[in-house]
PDB file of N, CA and C in Angstrom:
ATOM      1  N   MET A   1       0.855  -1.166   0.000  1.00  0.00           N
ATOM      2  CA  MET A   1       0.000   0.000   0.000  1.00  0.00           C
ATOM      3  C   MET A   1       0.908   1.239   0.000  1.00  0.00           C
ATOM      4  N   ASN A   2       0.601   2.191  -0.829  1.00  0.00           N
ATOM      5  CA  ASN A   2       1.437   3.381  -0.982  1.00  0.00           C
ATOM      6  C   ASN A   2       0.707   4.617  -0.462  1.00  0.00           C
ATOM      7  N   LYS A   3       0.241   4.560   0.797  1.00  0.00           N
ATOM      8  CA  LYS A   3      -0.505   5.670   1.388  1.00  0.00           C
ATOM      9  C   LYS A   3       0.100   6.030   2.737  1.00  0.00           C
ATOM     10  N   HIS A   4      -0.105   7.271   3.144  1.00  0.00           N
ATOM     11  CA  HIS A   4       0.363   7.730   4.448  1.00  0.00           C
ATOM     12  C   HIS A   4      -0.621   7.308   5.538  1.00  0.00           C
ATOM     13  N   GLY A   5      -0.125   7.189   6.767  1.00  0.00           N
ATOM     14  CA  GLY A   5      -0.980   6.843   7.893  1.00  0.00           C
ATOM     15  C   GLY A   5      -2.124   7.838   8.042  1.00  0.00           C
ATOM     16  N   GLY A   6      -3.328   7.344   8.244  1.00  0.00           N
ATOM     17  CA  GLY A   6      -4.498   8.196   8.419  1.00  0.00           C
ATOM     18  C   GLY A   6      -5.195   8.588   7.132  1.00  0.00           C
ATOM     19  N   THR A   7      -4.689   8.137   5.979  1.00  0.00           N
ATOM     20  CA  THR A   7      -5.309   8.533   4.710  1.00  0.00           C
ATOM     21  C   THR A   7      -6.132   7.423   4.065  1.00  0.00           C
ATOM     22  N   PHE A   8      -6.343   6.324   4.770  1.00  0.00           N
ATOM     23  CA  PHE A   8      -7.194   5.267   4.225  1.00  0.00           C
ATOM     24  C   PHE A   8      -8.223   4.874   5.272  1.00  0.00           C
ATOM     25  N   GLY A   9      -9.339   4.370   4.843  1.00  0.00           N
ATOM     26  CA  GLY A   9     -10.433   4.057   5.765  1.00  0.00           C
ATOM     27  C   GLY A   9     -11.352   5.262   5.925  1.00  0.00           C
ATOM     28  N   ASP A  10     -12.356   5.116   6.783  1.00  0.00           N
ATOM     29  CA  ASP A  10     -13.327   6.194   7.013  1.00  0.00           C
ATOM     30  C   ASP A  10     -12.777   7.307   7.898  1.00  0.00           C
ATOM     31  N   ALA A  11     -11.854   6.966   8.790  1.00  0.00           N
ATOM     32  CA  ALA A  11     -11.285   7.966   9.703  1.00  0.00           C
ATOM     33  C   ALA A  11      -9.917   7.492  10.173  1.00  0.00           C
ATOM     34  N   GLY A  12      -9.111   8.441  10.572  1.00  0.00           N
ATOM     35  CA  GLY A  12      -7.800   8.138  11.141  1.00  0.00           C
ATOM     36  C   GLY A  12      -7.710   8.759  12.526  1.00  0.00           C
ATOM     37  N   CYS A  13      -7.019   8.105  13.433  1.00  0.00           N
ATOM     38  CA  CYS A  13      -6.870   8.611  14.803  1.00  0.00           C
ATOM     39  C   CYS A  13      -5.393   8.677  15.144  1.00  0.00           C
ATOM     40  N   PHE A  14      -5.013   9.746  15.821  1.00  0.00           N
ATOM     41  CA  PHE A  14      -3.642   9.934  16.262  1.00  0.00           C
ATOM     42  C   PHE A  14      -3.657  10.286  17.741  1.00  0.00           C
ATOM     43  N   SER A  15      -2.728   9.715  18.496  1.00  0.00           N
ATOM     44  CA  SER A  15      -2.633   9.962  19.929  1.00  0.00           C
ATOM     45  C   SER A  15      -1.399  10.803  20.220  1.00  0.00           C
ATOM     46  N   PHE A  16      -1.546  11.813  21.073  1.00  0.00           N
ATOM     47  CA  PHE A  16      -0.439  12.672  21.464  1.00  0.00           C
ATOM     48  C   PHE A  16      -0.155  12.525  22.953  1.00  0.00           C
ATOM     49  N   TYR A  17      -0.121  11.297  23.442  1.00  0.00           N
ATOM     50  CA  TYR A  17       0.164  11.036  24.854  1.00  0.00           C
ATOM     51  C   TYR A  17       1.574  11.529  25.185  1.00  0.00           C
ATOM     52  N   PRO A  18       1.792  12.038  26.401  1.00  0.00           N
ATOM     53  CA  PRO A  18       3.074  12.661  26.748  1.00  0.00           C
ATOM     54  C   PRO A  18       4.334  11.826  26.498  1.00  0.00           C
ATOM     55  N   THR A  19       4.244  10.507  26.527  1.00  0.00           N
ATOM     56  CA  THR A  19       5.442   9.690  26.338  1.00  0.00           C
ATOM     57  C   THR A  19       5.734   9.400  24.868  1.00  0.00           C
ATOM     58  N   LYS A  20       4.924   9.920  23.962  1.00  0.00           N
ATOM     59  CA  LYS A  20       5.139   9.689  22.532  1.00  0.00           C
ATOM     60  C   LYS A  20       6.001  10.800  21.942  1.00  0.00           C
ATOM     61  N   ASN A  21       6.384  10.652  20.692  1.00  0.00           N
ATOM     62  CA  ASN A  21       7.269  11.623  20.031  1.00  0.00           C
ATOM     63  C   ASN A  21       6.634  13.003  19.888  1.00  0.00           C
ATOM     64  N   ILE A  22       5.359  13.069  19.572  1.00  0.00           N
ATOM     65  CA  ILE A  22       4.648  14.340  19.440  1.00  0.00           C
ATOM     66  C   ILE A  22       3.691  14.433  20.621  1.00  0.00           C
ATOM     67  N   THR A  23       3.801  15.496  21.422  1.00  0.00           N
ATOM     68  CA  THR A  23       2.952  15.614  22.595  1.00  0.00           C
ATOM     69  C   THR A  23       2.217  16.945  22.607  1.00  0.00           C
ATOM     70  N   VAL A  24       1.276  17.087  23.526  1.00  0.00           N
ATOM     71  CA  VAL A  24       0.516  18.329  23.700  1.00  0.00           C
ATOM     72  C   VAL A  24       0.582  18.803  25.149  1.00  0.00           C
ATOM     73  N   LEU A  25       1.642  18.446  25.853  1.00  0.00           N
ATOM     74  CA  LEU A  25       1.805  18.792  27.273  1.00  0.00           C
ATOM     75  C   LEU A  25       0.644  18.269  28.107  1.00  0.00           C
ATOM     76  N   GLY A  26       0.255  17.065  27.848  1.00  0.00           N
ATOM     77  CA  GLY A  26      -0.852  16.410  28.528  1.00  0.00           C
ATOM     78  C   GLY A  26      -1.409  15.360  27.591  1.00  0.00           C
ATOM     79  N   GLU A  27      -2.606  14.929  27.842  1.00  0.00           N
ATOM     80  CA  GLU A  27      -3.219  13.940  26.965  1.00  0.00           C
ATOM     81  C   GLU A  27      -3.966  14.648  25.856  1.00  0.00           C
ATOM     82  N   GLY A  28      -3.886  14.120  24.653  1.00  0.00           N
ATOM     83  CA  GLY A  28      -4.587  14.719  23.526  1.00  0.00           C
ATOM     84  C   GLY A  28      -4.598  13.763  22.355  1.00  0.00           C
ATOM     85  N   GLY A  29      -5.273  14.166  21.310  1.00  0.00           N
ATOM     86  CA  GLY A  29      -5.342  13.344  20.123  1.00  0.00           C
ATOM     87  C   GLY A  29      -5.992  14.088  18.985  1.00  0.00           C
ATOM     88  N   MET A  30      -6.085  13.430  17.853  1.00  0.00           N
ATOM     89  CA  MET A  30      -6.656  14.039  16.662  1.00  0.00           C
ATOM     90  C   MET A  30      -7.382  12.956  15.870  1.00  0.00           C
ATOM     91  N   ILE A  31      -8.533  13.304  15.334  1.00  0.00           N
ATOM     92  CA  ILE A  31      -9.289  12.411  14.460  1.00  0.00           C
ATOM     93  C   ILE A  31      -9.423  13.123  13.122  1.00  0.00           C
ATOM     94  N   ILE A  32      -9.151  12.400  12.033  1.00  0.00           N
ATOM     95  CA  ILE A  32      -9.285  12.994  10.707  1.00  0.00           C
ATOM     96  C   ILE A  32     -10.227  12.154   9.855  1.00  0.00           C
ATOM     97  N   THR A  33     -10.948  12.824   8.959  1.00  0.00           N
ATOM     98  CA  THR A  33     -11.834  12.147   8.017  1.00  0.00           C
ATOM     99  C   THR A  33     -12.149  13.106   6.884  1.00  0.00           C
ATOM    100  N   ASN A  34     -12.532  12.571   5.739  1.00  0.00           N
ATOM    101  CA  ASN A  34     -13.021  13.416   4.654  1.00  0.00           C
ATOM    102  C   ASN A  34     -14.522  13.185   4.435  1.00  0.00           C
ATOM    103  N   ASN A  35     -15.170  12.555   5.405  1.00  0.00           N
ATOM    104  CA  ASN A  35     -16.599  12.276   5.374  1.00  0.00           C
ATOM    105  C   ASN A  35     -17.301  13.310   6.267  1.00  0.00           C
ATOM    106  N   GLU A  36     -18.022  14.247   5.670  1.00  0.00           N
ATOM    107  CA  GLU A  36     -18.631  15.347   6.426  1.00  0.00           C
ATOM    108  C   GLU A  36     -19.636  14.865   7.470  1.00  0.00           C
ATOM    109  N   LYS A  37     -20.422  13.833   7.142  1.00  0.00           N
ATOM    110  CA  LYS A  37     -21.402  13.307   8.092  1.00  0.00           C
ATOM    111  C   LYS A  37     -20.702  12.719   9.323  1.00  0.00           C
ATOM    112  N   LEU A  38     -19.647  11.974   9.100  1.00  0.00           N
ATOM    113  CA  LEU A  38     -18.871  11.396  10.193  1.00  0.00           C
ATOM    114  C   LEU A  38     -18.162  12.491  10.993  1.00  0.00           C
ATOM    115  N   ALA A  39     -17.636  13.495  10.326  1.00  0.00           N
ATOM    116  CA  ALA A  39     -16.957  14.604  11.009  1.00  0.00           C
ATOM    117  C   ALA A  39     -17.924  15.341  11.932  1.00  0.00           C
ATOM    118  N   LYS A  40     -19.153  15.553  11.473  1.00  0.00           N
ATOM    119  CA  LYS A  40     -20.149  16.245  12.294  1.00  0.00           C
ATOM    120  C   LYS A  40     -20.452  15.435  13.561  1.00  0.00           C
ATOM    121  N   LYS A  41     -20.573  14.121  13.403  1.00  0.00           N
ATOM    122  CA  LYS A  41     -20.846  13.259  14.553  1.00  0.00           C
ATOM    123  C   LYS A  41     -19.669  13.270  15.528  1.00  0.00           C
ATOM    124  N   MET A  42     -18.431  13.232  15.017  1.00  0.00           N
ATOM    125  CA  MET A  42     -17.253  13.258  15.880  1.00  0.00           C
ATOM    126  C   MET A  42     -17.143  14.582  16.626  1.00  0.00           C
ATOM    127  N   ARG A  43     -17.443  15.705  15.950  1.00  0.00           N
ATOM    128  CA  ARG A  43     -17.395  17.008  16.614  1.00  0.00           C
ATOM    129  C   ARG A  43     -18.382  17.056  17.780  1.00  0.00           C
ATOM    130  N   LYS A  44     -19.552  16.467  17.576  1.00  0.00           N
ATOM    131  CA  LYS A  44     -20.567  16.452  18.626  1.00  0.00           C
ATOM    132  C   LYS A  44     -20.099  15.610  19.819  1.00  0.00           C
ATOM    133  N   ILE A  45     -19.486  14.474  19.556  1.00  0.00           N
ATOM    134  CA  ILE A  45     -18.972  13.619  20.630  1.00  0.00           C
ATOM    135  C   ILE A  45     -17.862  14.332  21.393  1.00  0.00           C
ATOM    136  N   VAL A  46     -16.929  14.943  20.678  1.00  0.00           N
ATOM    137  CA  VAL A  46     -15.810  15.646  21.304  1.00  0.00           C
ATOM    138  C   VAL A  46     -16.307  16.793  22.172  1.00  0.00           C
ATOM    139  N   ASN A  47     -17.399  17.433  21.749  1.00  0.00           N
ATOM    140  CA  ASN A  47     -17.924  18.605  22.453  1.00  0.00           C
ATOM    141  C   ASN A  47     -19.053  18.222  23.412  1.00  0.00           C
ATOM    142  N   HIS A  48     -19.081  16.967  23.852  1.00  0.00           N
ATOM    143  CA  HIS A  48     -20.059  16.462  24.836  1.00  0.00           C
ATOM    144  C   HIS A  48     -21.505  16.742  24.424  1.00  0.00           C
ATOM    145  N   GLY A  49     -21.818  16.573  23.156  1.00  0.00           N
ATOM    146  CA  GLY A  49     -23.183  16.705  22.669  1.00  0.00           C
ATOM    147  C   GLY A  49     -23.570  18.094  22.198  1.00  0.00           C
ATOM    148  N   GLU A  50     -22.736  19.086  22.427  1.00  0.00           N
ATOM    149  CA  GLU A  50     -23.039  20.448  21.983  1.00  0.00           C
ATOM    150  C   GLU A  50     -22.890  20.552  20.476  1.00  0.00           C
ATOM    151  N   GLU A  51     -23.705  21.361  19.849  1.00  0.00           N
ATOM    152  CA  GLU A  51     -23.584  21.646  18.421  1.00  0.00           C
ATOM    153  C   GLU A  51     -23.232  23.109  18.248  1.00  0.00           C
ATOM    154  N   GLY A  52     -22.705  23.453  17.097  1.00  0.00           N
ATOM    155  CA  GLY A  52     -22.340  24.838  16.829  1.00  0.00           C
ATOM    156  C   GLY A  52     -20.841  24.987  16.742  1.00  0.00           C
ATOM    157  N   ASP A  53     -20.387  26.217  16.879  1.00  0.00           N
ATOM    158  CA  ASP A  53     -18.963  26.496  16.768  1.00  0.00           C
ATOM    159  C   ASP A  53     -18.184  25.833  17.900  1.00  0.00           C
ATOM    160  N   ILE A  54     -17.145  25.134  17.540  1.00  0.00           N
ATOM    161  CA  ILE A  54     -16.279  24.488  18.510  1.00  0.00           C
ATOM    162  C   ILE A  54     -14.934  25.209  18.460  1.00  0.00           C
ATOM    163  N   PRO A  55     -14.500  25.795  19.561  1.00  0.00           N
ATOM    164  CA  PRO A  55     -13.206  26.478  19.538  1.00  0.00           C
ATOM    165  C   PRO A  55     -12.077  25.501  19.286  1.00  0.00           C
ATOM    166  N   MET A  56     -11.223  25.825  18.372  1.00  0.00           N
ATOM    167  CA  MET A  56     -10.087  24.960  18.034  1.00  0.00           C
ATOM    168  C   MET A  56      -8.808  25.665  18.384  1.00  0.00           C
TER     169      MET A  56
END
């Protein structure tokens, strides 16, 4: 397969736990997708059910 990590499948997940190479000074992560319906659902989950603008 000639693809980068996170570019195949419906979504990709990345973890930024403090002991890994890339960190966020605490626990964190990132979810990526090119599916708008799935992205909307993930934003709602991340924001504890709230809809609307999510500060990034």
